[in-house]
Amino acid sequence: MLYRDRTINPKSTILDSLKKMDTLDKKLLIVIDNEKFIGLLSIGDIQRAIIKNLSLETQIIKIIRDDILVTYEDDNIDTAKAEMVKERIECMPVLDKNNNLIDVIFWEDIVGSIIDLREKINVPVVIMAGGEGTRLKPLTNILPKPLIPIFDKTIIEDIMDQFVKAGCNEFYISVNYKADMIRHYLQDLNNPSYHIQYFQEEKPLGTAGSLYLLLESISTTFFVTNCDIIIKQDLGEVYKYHKENKNDITLVAALKHYQIPYGTIESGVDGILTSLSEKPEITFKINSGVYILEPKTLSIIPKDEFFNITDLIIKIKKRKGRVGIFPISEKSWQDYGLLENIPFINKCI
């Protein structure tokens, strides 16, 4: 049964579920307990739990939804499939009379392709492509970082295509290092999905300094992304979270897990042992390099000064602005700013 690898026990933790989703490269798991169907767990359920500041050790039984459409073995299978198409449901569990899971109908079983349930958005996207890519030398001695090939595309194409899938077509690209090469390459592509405007730093201005140049150009909520990372995430969900929480800026944060290869100890007064952990794992939220900003934040950026995105965040916080964090799983984030992460380099190592 093909669905078996996507099942998980309700006593599993949020962290266990995230790791399983990453391993399977799936965003939906089926929760069962001794064959009894309990519910479905989506990446959205996990993200909402993390945003509520629930511990990663929380059992998933506490966060799964109970409003799941199911069908039973005696029901008409064609009726169930028609309901899935009507409601655009990714999968429908098939149960017996005792609520035991006996099968799962997936969208691709019906139409032969994976469903795209993402709500389309159409907001500007700023790509910070002006850096020298020093971490990618000697490659960047020849090519600017945005044009480094990743499989059959360049980095910048991969980034732009992720946003195009979300409904975004308006791109503002910050250029400086080898700017003419970037312009010529994208012009030759002549991709009708890319509506590009360039703005150029005359000198390095940091990860946010050049955004000042857009003060008169952007008047709506917009994305900003570094030009060396890819995230596999429903960008519409990030946008929805940002707007619903009335954030001034939202950071997309990847959860990064580290296994400490030693037993760790903690002690109290007089050096008395208080706890002992064998090779514990710790999880951090890593700044992924993707943000959503409100246009009013552009006026905070100083003119013609070196200014990082972290400087902007600190200024917003000092002004009592709202800075939100949207979490994604570890393997939903790929950093192509390191030589060892470039696929064709990786094969040579």
Protein backbone atom coordinates (compact mmCIF):
# COMPACT_ATOMS: atom_id res chain seq x y z
CA MET A 1 0.00 0.00 0.00
CA LEU A 2 1.65 3.19 -1.21
CA TYR A 3 0.34 5.35 1.60
CA ARG A 4 2.07 3.29 4.33
CA ASP A 5 5.29 5.29 4.29
CA ARG A 6 3.26 8.47 4.90
CA THR A 7 1.63 7.29 8.12
CA ILE A 8 2.65 8.49 11.57
CA ASN A 9 1.58 7.75 15.15
CA PRO A 10 -0.40 10.43 17.02
CA LYS A 11 2.13 10.31 19.89
CA SER A 12 4.92 11.41 17.55
CA THR A 13 6.28 14.88 18.16
CA ILE A 14 6.14 17.91 15.91
CA LEU A 15 9.89 17.52 15.38
CA ASP A 16 9.48 13.85 14.39
CA SER A 17 6.82 14.84 11.88
CA LEU A 18 8.94 17.60 10.35
CA LYS A 19 11.83 15.21 9.87
CA LYS A 20 9.56 12.62 8.26
CA MET A 21 8.11 15.21 5.89
CA ASP A 22 11.64 16.24 4.92
CA THR A 23 12.73 12.64 4.39
CA LEU A 24 9.72 11.84 2.19
CA ASP A 25 9.63 15.29 0.57
CA LYS A 26 5.91 15.39 1.39
CA LYS A 27 3.89 18.08 3.16
CA LEU A 28 1.06 15.84 4.39
CA LEU A 29 1.09 12.81 6.72
CA ILE A 30 -1.67 10.37 7.66
CA VAL A 31 -2.10 9.90 11.41
CA ILE A 32 -3.10 6.39 12.52
CA ASP A 33 -3.00 4.47 15.80
CA ASN A 34 -3.04 0.67 15.46
CA GLU A 35 -4.72 1.03 12.04
CA LYS A 36 -7.37 3.41 13.45
CA PHE A 37 -7.58 6.59 11.39
CA ILE A 38 -7.00 9.62 13.61
CA GLY A 39 -6.56 12.48 11.15
CA LEU A 40 -4.27 14.25 8.70
CA LEU A 41 -1.25 16.38 9.54
CA SER A 42 -0.14 19.09 7.10
CA ILE A 43 2.90 21.31 7.11
CA GLY A 44 0.46 24.17 7.70
CA ASP A 45 -0.73 22.55 10.94
CA ILE A 46 2.88 22.34 12.11
CA GLN A 47 3.70 25.91 11.11
CA ARG A 48 0.67 27.26 12.95
CA ALA A 49 1.73 25.31 16.07
CA ILE A 50 5.26 26.72 15.92
CA ILE A 51 3.94 30.24 15.41
CA LYS A 52 1.87 29.72 18.58
CA ASN A 53 5.19 28.89 20.28
CA LEU A 54 4.33 25.26 21.01
CA SER A 55 7.32 23.08 21.83
CA LEU A 56 8.73 20.90 19.05
CA GLU A 57 8.28 18.03 21.52
CA THR A 58 4.49 18.52 21.51
CA GLN A 59 2.64 15.40 20.38
CA ILE A 60 0.87 15.87 17.07
CA ILE A 61 -2.42 14.58 18.49
CA LYS A 62 -2.71 18.05 20.04
CA ILE A 63 -2.47 19.93 16.77
CA ILE A 64 -4.17 17.83 14.09
CA ARG A 65 -7.51 18.90 12.64
CA ASP A 66 -10.66 16.82 13.00
CA ASP A 67 -12.58 18.31 10.03
CA ILE A 68 -11.32 15.72 7.53
CA LEU A 69 -13.45 14.37 4.70
CA VAL A 70 -13.29 10.56 4.51
CA THR A 71 -15.03 7.83 2.56
CA TYR A 72 -15.90 4.27 3.53
CA GLU A 73 -15.17 1.00 1.76
CA ASP A 74 -18.84 0.47 0.86
CA ASP A 75 -19.22 3.98 -0.60
CA ASN A 76 -19.13 4.61 -4.32
CA ILE A 77 -15.51 5.31 -5.21
CA ASP A 78 -16.43 7.52 -8.16
CA THR A 79 -18.57 9.68 -5.88
CA ALA A 80 -15.62 10.06 -3.51
CA LYS A 81 -13.31 11.07 -6.35
CA ALA A 82 -15.87 13.58 -7.65
CA GLU A 83 -16.04 15.12 -4.18
CA MET A 84 -12.25 15.40 -4.12
CA VAL A 85 -12.22 17.22 -7.45
CA LYS A 86 -15.07 19.51 -6.39
CA GLU A 87 -13.42 20.46 -3.09
CA ARG A 88 -9.85 20.24 -4.47
CA ILE A 89 -8.80 17.82 -1.75
CA GLU A 90 -5.26 16.45 -1.87
CA CYS A 91 -6.18 13.05 -0.46
CA MET A 92 -9.15 11.15 0.96
CA PRO A 93 -8.77 8.30 3.49
CA VAL A 94 -10.82 5.15 2.88
CA LEU A 95 -12.06 3.54 6.12
CA ASP A 96 -13.86 0.36 7.10
CA LYS A 97 -16.89 0.35 9.42
CA ASN A 98 -14.55 0.35 12.46
CA ASN A 99 -12.68 3.44 11.22
CA ASN A 100 -9.61 1.40 10.35
CA LEU A 101 -7.62 2.87 7.47
CA ILE A 102 -7.67 0.52 4.50
CA ASP A 103 -6.64 2.82 1.63
CA VAL A 104 -5.99 6.42 0.63
CA ILE A 105 -7.07 8.08 -2.62
CA PHE A 106 -4.59 10.74 -3.75
CA TRP A 107 -5.25 13.55 -6.18
CA GLU A 108 -2.64 12.20 -8.60
CA ASP A 109 -4.54 8.89 -8.66
CA ILE A 110 -7.46 10.79 -10.19
CA VAL A 111 -5.86 13.25 -12.62
CA GLY A 112 -2.31 11.91 -12.92
CA SER A 113 -0.58 14.99 -11.53
CA ILE A 114 -0.01 16.54 -8.13
CA ILE A 115 -2.57 19.11 -7.04
CA ASP A 116 -1.56 22.73 -6.62
CA LEU A 117 -3.80 24.12 -3.89
CA ARG A 118 -1.76 27.28 -3.42
CA GLU A 119 -3.66 30.54 -3.46
CA LYS A 120 -2.09 32.82 -6.05
CA ILE A 121 -0.70 36.17 -4.98
CA ASN A 122 0.62 38.97 -7.15
CA VAL A 123 3.01 41.20 -5.27
CA PRO A 124 6.41 42.66 -6.22
CA VAL A 125 9.56 40.65 -5.57
CA VAL A 126 12.94 42.24 -4.91
CA ILE A 127 15.98 40.06 -5.61
CA MET A 128 19.26 41.20 -4.05
CA ALA A 129 21.69 40.19 -6.79
CA GLY A 130 24.43 42.79 -6.44
CA GLY A 131 26.94 40.95 -4.25
CA GLU A 132 30.30 39.63 -5.36
CA GLY A 133 29.59 36.09 -4.18
CA THR A 134 32.91 35.77 -2.35
CA ARG A 135 31.89 32.43 -0.79
CA LEU A 136 31.56 31.00 -4.30
CA LYS A 137 35.00 31.98 -5.58
CA PRO A 138 36.61 31.00 -7.94
CA LEU A 139 33.29 30.43 -9.77
CA THR A 140 32.28 34.04 -9.24
CA ASN A 141 35.54 35.28 -10.72
CA ILE A 142 33.91 34.30 -14.03
CA LEU A 143 30.15 34.33 -13.43
CA PRO A 144 28.10 36.49 -11.08
CA LYS A 145 26.42 34.42 -8.37
CA PRO A 146 22.89 34.75 -9.85
CA LEU A 147 24.07 33.01 -13.04
CA ILE A 148 25.70 29.99 -11.38
CA PRO A 149 23.94 26.90 -12.85
CA ILE A 150 21.80 24.74 -10.58
CA PHE A 151 20.91 21.63 -12.60
CA ASP A 152 19.23 22.99 -15.76
CA LYS A 153 18.69 26.56 -14.57
CA THR A 154 20.66 29.41 -13.08
CA ILE A 155 20.12 30.33 -9.44
CA ILE A 156 18.20 33.48 -10.29
CA GLU A 157 15.86 31.63 -12.68
CA ASP A 158 15.10 29.03 -10.02
CA ILE A 159 14.28 31.79 -7.54
CA MET A 160 12.09 33.68 -9.99
CA ASP A 161 10.25 30.55 -11.08
CA GLN A 162 9.33 29.80 -7.45
CA PHE A 163 7.66 33.20 -7.25
CA VAL A 164 6.04 32.85 -10.68
CA LYS A 165 4.37 29.63 -9.46
CA ALA A 166 2.96 31.68 -6.57
CA GLY A 167 1.52 34.24 -9.01
CA CYS A 168 4.26 36.89 -8.81
CA ASN A 169 5.60 38.37 -12.05
CA GLU A 170 6.93 41.80 -11.09
CA PHE A 171 10.64 41.60 -10.25
CA TYR A 172 13.03 44.30 -9.09
CA ILE A 173 16.62 43.11 -9.31
CA SER A 174 19.40 44.88 -7.44
CA VAL A 175 22.63 44.60 -9.44
CA ASN A 176 26.23 45.75 -9.06
CA TYR A 177 28.89 43.07 -9.59
CA LYS A 178 28.90 41.94 -13.26
CA ALA A 179 25.58 43.72 -13.70
CA ASP A 180 25.74 43.80 -17.52
CA MET A 181 26.18 40.04 -17.67
CA ILE A 182 23.05 39.51 -15.56
CA ARG A 183 21.03 41.93 -17.69
CA HIS A 184 22.13 40.36 -20.98
CA TYR A 185 21.43 36.83 -19.81
CA LEU A 186 17.90 37.56 -18.59
CA GLN A 187 17.16 39.66 -21.66
CA ASP A 188 18.19 36.79 -23.95
CA LEU A 189 15.90 34.43 -22.03
CA ASN A 190 12.94 36.59 -23.07
CA ASN A 191 10.71 34.81 -20.54
CA PRO A 192 7.22 36.39 -20.69
CA SER A 193 6.66 35.50 -17.01
CA TYR A 194 9.48 37.81 -15.92
CA HIS A 195 8.63 41.51 -15.78
CA ILE A 196 11.97 42.92 -14.68
CA GLN A 197 13.16 46.31 -13.53
CA TYR A 198 16.78 46.76 -12.48
CA PHE A 199 18.18 49.13 -9.90
CA GLN A 200 21.91 49.48 -9.48
CA GLU A 201 24.13 50.05 -6.49
CA GLU A 202 27.05 52.32 -7.36
CA LYS A 203 28.85 50.85 -4.37
CA PRO A 204 28.13 47.92 -2.03
CA LEU A 205 25.21 48.92 0.23
CA GLY A 206 24.69 45.77 2.29
CA THR A 207 21.70 43.46 2.30
CA ALA A 208 19.15 46.28 2.58
CA GLY A 209 20.87 49.56 1.69
CA SER A 210 19.91 49.45 -1.97
CA LEU A 211 16.21 49.08 -1.07
CA TYR A 212 16.18 52.85 -0.50
CA LEU A 213 16.34 53.20 -4.29
CA LEU A 214 12.84 51.69 -4.48
CA LEU A 215 11.22 54.27 -2.23
CA GLU A 216 9.33 55.84 -5.16
CA SER A 217 8.75 52.57 -7.04
CA ILE A 218 7.04 50.20 -4.61
CA SER A 219 3.84 51.14 -2.79
CA THR A 220 2.51 47.69 -1.83
CA THR A 221 3.57 44.80 0.36
CA PHE A 222 6.56 43.07 -1.28
CA PHE A 223 8.95 40.14 -0.98
CA VAL A 224 12.71 40.46 -0.65
CA THR A 225 14.98 37.50 -1.27
CA ASN A 226 18.70 36.93 -1.30
CA CYS A 227 20.03 35.58 -4.57
CA ASP A 228 21.57 32.39 -3.23
CA ILE A 229 18.72 30.56 -1.51
CA ILE A 230 15.69 28.55 -2.60
CA ILE A 231 12.75 27.77 -0.33
CA LYS A 232 10.15 25.11 -1.07
CA GLN A 233 7.20 26.74 0.60
CA ASP A 234 3.73 27.94 -0.28
CA LEU A 235 4.58 31.65 -0.52
CA GLY A 236 0.89 32.52 -0.35
CA GLU A 237 0.81 31.13 3.20
CA VAL A 238 3.74 33.36 4.18
CA TYR A 239 1.96 36.36 2.68
CA LYS A 240 -1.29 35.44 4.44
CA TYR A 241 0.47 35.14 7.81
CA HIS A 242 2.19 38.50 7.26
CA LYS A 243 -1.03 40.34 6.43
CA GLU A 244 -3.21 38.69 9.08
CA ASN A 245 -0.72 39.62 11.79
CA LYS A 246 -0.22 43.14 10.44
CA ASN A 247 3.55 42.72 10.49
CA ASP A 248 5.90 45.42 9.27
CA ILE A 249 8.37 42.75 8.24
CA THR A 250 8.19 38.95 8.26
CA LEU A 251 11.25 36.73 8.21
CA VAL A 252 11.06 33.22 6.81
CA ALA A 253 13.02 31.02 9.23
CA ALA A 254 14.25 27.49 8.52
CA LEU A 255 14.43 25.07 11.42
CA LYS A 256 17.98 23.73 11.63
CA HIS A 257 18.74 20.62 13.68
CA TYR A 258 22.12 19.87 15.25
CA GLN A 259 23.10 16.63 16.98
CA ILE A 260 25.69 17.16 19.70
CA PRO A 261 28.03 14.13 19.49
CA TYR A 262 28.68 14.05 23.26
CA GLY A 263 26.74 13.57 26.43
CA THR A 264 25.96 16.93 28.02
CA ILE A 265 25.61 17.74 31.71
CA GLU A 266 24.23 20.57 33.78
CA SER A 267 25.15 21.33 37.35
CA GLY A 268 23.80 23.48 40.16
CA VAL A 269 25.11 24.85 43.46
CA ASP A 270 28.35 23.21 44.66
CA GLY A 271 28.71 21.52 41.29
CA ILE A 272 25.95 19.03 42.00
CA LEU A 273 24.68 17.29 38.86
CA THR A 274 21.18 18.45 37.91
CA SER A 275 20.71 16.78 34.52
CA LEU A 276 22.43 14.49 32.05
CA SER A 277 21.57 14.11 28.35
CA GLU A 278 23.13 11.63 25.95
CA LYS A 279 23.96 13.24 22.58
CA PRO A 280 21.08 15.72 22.64
CA GLU A 281 19.70 17.41 19.56
CA ILE A 282 19.07 21.13 19.48
CA THR A 283 17.00 23.06 16.98
CA PHE A 284 17.47 26.67 15.93
CA LYS A 285 15.48 28.98 13.70
CA ILE A 286 17.82 30.14 10.90
CA ASN A 287 17.24 33.33 8.93
CA SER A 288 16.53 31.94 5.46
CA GLY A 289 17.10 35.18 3.56
CA VAL A 290 13.47 35.60 2.42
CA TYR A 291 11.33 38.42 3.82
CA ILE A 292 8.05 40.25 3.33
CA LEU A 293 8.06 44.00 3.96
CA GLU A 294 5.52 46.76 4.08
CA PRO A 295 6.38 49.73 1.80
CA LYS A 296 6.56 52.15 4.76
CA THR A 297 9.73 50.36 5.93
CA LEU A 298 11.61 51.74 2.91
CA SER A 299 11.59 55.23 4.43
CA ILE A 300 13.55 53.93 7.42
CA ILE A 301 16.53 52.96 5.25
CA PRO A 302 19.23 55.67 5.07
CA LYS A 303 20.18 57.04 1.67
CA ASP A 304 23.42 55.89 0.09
CA GLU A 305 24.68 54.13 3.22
CA PHE A 306 25.79 50.58 3.91
CA PHE A 307 22.80 49.06 5.69
CA ASN A 308 22.01 45.42 6.36
CA ILE A 309 18.56 43.85 6.68
CA THR A 310 19.38 43.17 10.34
CA ASP A 311 19.87 46.94 10.83
CA LEU A 312 16.41 47.49 9.37
CA ILE A 313 14.88 44.88 11.66
CA ILE A 314 16.49 46.48 14.72
CA LYS A 315 15.16 49.91 13.69
CA ILE A 316 11.66 48.52 13.21
CA LYS A 317 11.79 46.87 16.64
CA LYS A 318 12.96 50.10 18.28
CA ARG A 319 9.97 51.86 16.72
CA LYS A 320 7.67 49.22 18.27
CA GLY A 321 6.95 47.75 14.85
CA ARG A 322 5.87 44.16 14.34
CA VAL A 323 8.50 41.67 13.20
CA GLY A 324 7.07 38.20 12.52
CA ILE A 325 8.71 34.82 12.01
CA PHE A 326 7.29 32.23 9.62
CA PRO A 327 8.88 28.76 10.09
CA ILE A 328 9.73 26.24 7.38
CA SER A 329 11.35 22.81 7.68
CA GLU A 330 15.09 22.29 7.38
CA LYS A 331 15.01 20.72 3.94
CA SER A 332 12.59 23.31 2.59
CA TRP A 333 15.56 25.69 2.52
CA GLN A 334 18.60 25.35 0.30
CA ASP A 335 21.62 27.67 0.55
CA TYR A 336 23.45 27.92 -2.78
CA GLY A 337 25.87 30.50 -1.42
CA LEU A 338 28.37 27.78 -0.47
CA LEU A 339 30.57 25.93 -2.97
CA GLU A 340 29.83 22.55 -1.44
CA ASN A 341 26.09 23.05 -2.04
CA ILE A 342 26.43 23.67 -5.78
CA PRO A 343 25.33 20.38 -7.44
CA PHE A 344 28.04 20.07 -10.09
CA ILE A 345 30.73 21.01 -7.57
CA ASN A 346 29.31 18.52 -5.09
CA LYS A 347 29.74 15.71 -7.60
CA CYS A 348 33.42 16.55 -7.95
CA ILE A 349 34.15 16.55 -4.21
